[in-house]
Protein backbone atom coordinates (compact mmCIF):
# COMPACT_ATOMS: atom_id res chain seq x y z
CA MET A 1 0.00 0.00 0.00
CA SER A 2 1.38 3.42 -0.88
CA GLU A 3 2.32 5.91 1.77
CA ALA A 4 -0.25 8.49 0.59
CA VAL A 5 -3.09 6.01 0.88
CA ALA A 6 -1.90 4.85 4.30
CA GLN A 7 -1.75 8.44 5.58
CA ALA A 8 -5.11 9.54 4.18
CA PRO A 9 -7.57 10.42 6.93
CA LYS A 10 -10.29 7.87 7.45
CA LYS A 11 -13.84 9.09 6.87
CA GLU A 12 -16.49 8.16 9.32
CA LYS A 13 -19.42 6.36 7.81
CA GLU A 14 -22.53 8.45 8.06
CA GLY A 15 -26.02 7.10 7.84
CA ILE A 16 -28.75 7.93 5.39
CA GLY A 17 -30.38 10.20 7.96
CA VAL A 18 -27.36 12.51 8.00
CA PHE A 19 -27.36 12.56 4.20
CA ILE A 20 -31.04 13.53 4.06
CA LYS A 21 -30.54 16.22 6.71
CA GLU A 22 -27.60 17.76 4.83
CA THR A 23 -29.49 17.53 1.53
CA ARG A 24 -32.47 19.40 2.99
CA ALA A 25 -30.14 22.04 4.42
CA GLU A 26 -28.59 22.60 0.98
CA LEU A 27 -32.02 22.73 -0.68
CA ASP A 28 -33.10 25.39 1.81
CA LYS A 29 -30.20 27.56 0.55
CA THR A 30 -31.29 27.12 -3.05
CA THR A 31 -33.47 29.69 -4.79
CA PHE A 32 -35.68 28.59 -7.64
CA PRO A 33 -36.89 30.86 -10.46
CA ASP A 34 -40.43 32.09 -10.41
CA ARG A 35 -43.00 31.17 -13.05
CA GLU A 36 -42.42 34.29 -15.18
CA GLU A 37 -38.65 33.79 -15.31
CA VAL A 38 -39.08 30.16 -16.37
CA ARG A 39 -41.55 31.21 -19.09
CA ASN A 40 -39.25 33.96 -20.39
CA THR A 41 -36.23 31.69 -20.45
CA THR A 42 -38.22 28.99 -22.24
CA ILE A 43 -39.29 31.51 -24.90
CA VAL A 44 -35.66 32.59 -25.40
CA VAL A 45 -34.58 28.96 -25.81
CA ILE A 46 -37.36 28.17 -28.30
CA VAL A 47 -36.66 31.29 -30.39
CA SER A 48 -32.91 30.54 -30.36
CA VAL A 49 -33.46 26.94 -31.49
CA ILE A 50 -35.75 28.08 -34.32
CA PHE A 51 -33.26 30.78 -35.39
CA PHE A 52 -30.24 28.48 -35.44
CA GLY A 53 -32.25 25.71 -37.09
CA LEU A 54 -33.23 28.06 -39.92
CA TYR A 55 -29.67 29.37 -40.15
CA LEU A 56 -28.25 25.86 -40.50
CA PHE A 57 -30.96 24.96 -43.03
CA VAL A 58 -30.09 27.97 -45.21
CA ALA A 59 -26.33 27.41 -44.84
CA ASP A 60 -26.73 23.75 -45.81
CA TYR A 61 -28.93 24.67 -48.78
CA ILE A 62 -26.32 27.19 -50.01
CA TRP A 63 -23.49 24.65 -49.64
CA VAL A 64 -25.45 22.03 -51.58
CA TYR A 65 -26.20 24.58 -54.33
CA LEU A 66 -22.55 25.64 -54.56
CA LEU A 67 -21.19 22.09 -54.55
CA ASP A 68 -23.70 20.97 -57.19
CA GLY A 69 -22.64 23.91 -59.34
CA LEU A 70 -18.98 23.10 -58.79
CA SER A 71 -19.47 19.43 -59.73
CA TRP A 72 -21.38 20.55 -62.87
CA VAL A 73 -18.47 22.83 -63.87
CA ILE A 74 -15.92 20.08 -63.24
CA ASN A 75 -17.95 17.60 -65.28
CA LYS A 76 -18.18 20.12 -68.17
CA ILE A 77 -14.44 20.73 -68.06
CA ALA A 78 -13.64 17.01 -67.86
CA GLY A 79 -16.08 16.28 -70.67
CA LEU A 80 -18.25 13.89 -68.70
């Protein structure tokens, strides 16, 4: 066994009751958003997803158009 492991302080085993008590204490410190803040944040997320989805759709459509045109030019040059 390594020296670091041998010198590590031993933790006392705590029961489930202590865990629940500490968890409740931490939850009491937590603040949750109100209904209006949740609604506003949800709207921002939905609008952002729609915006970026449309952006990626248009960007993909442009790339497909450009690459199809490029392959057409290459085929004309190569005589295919």
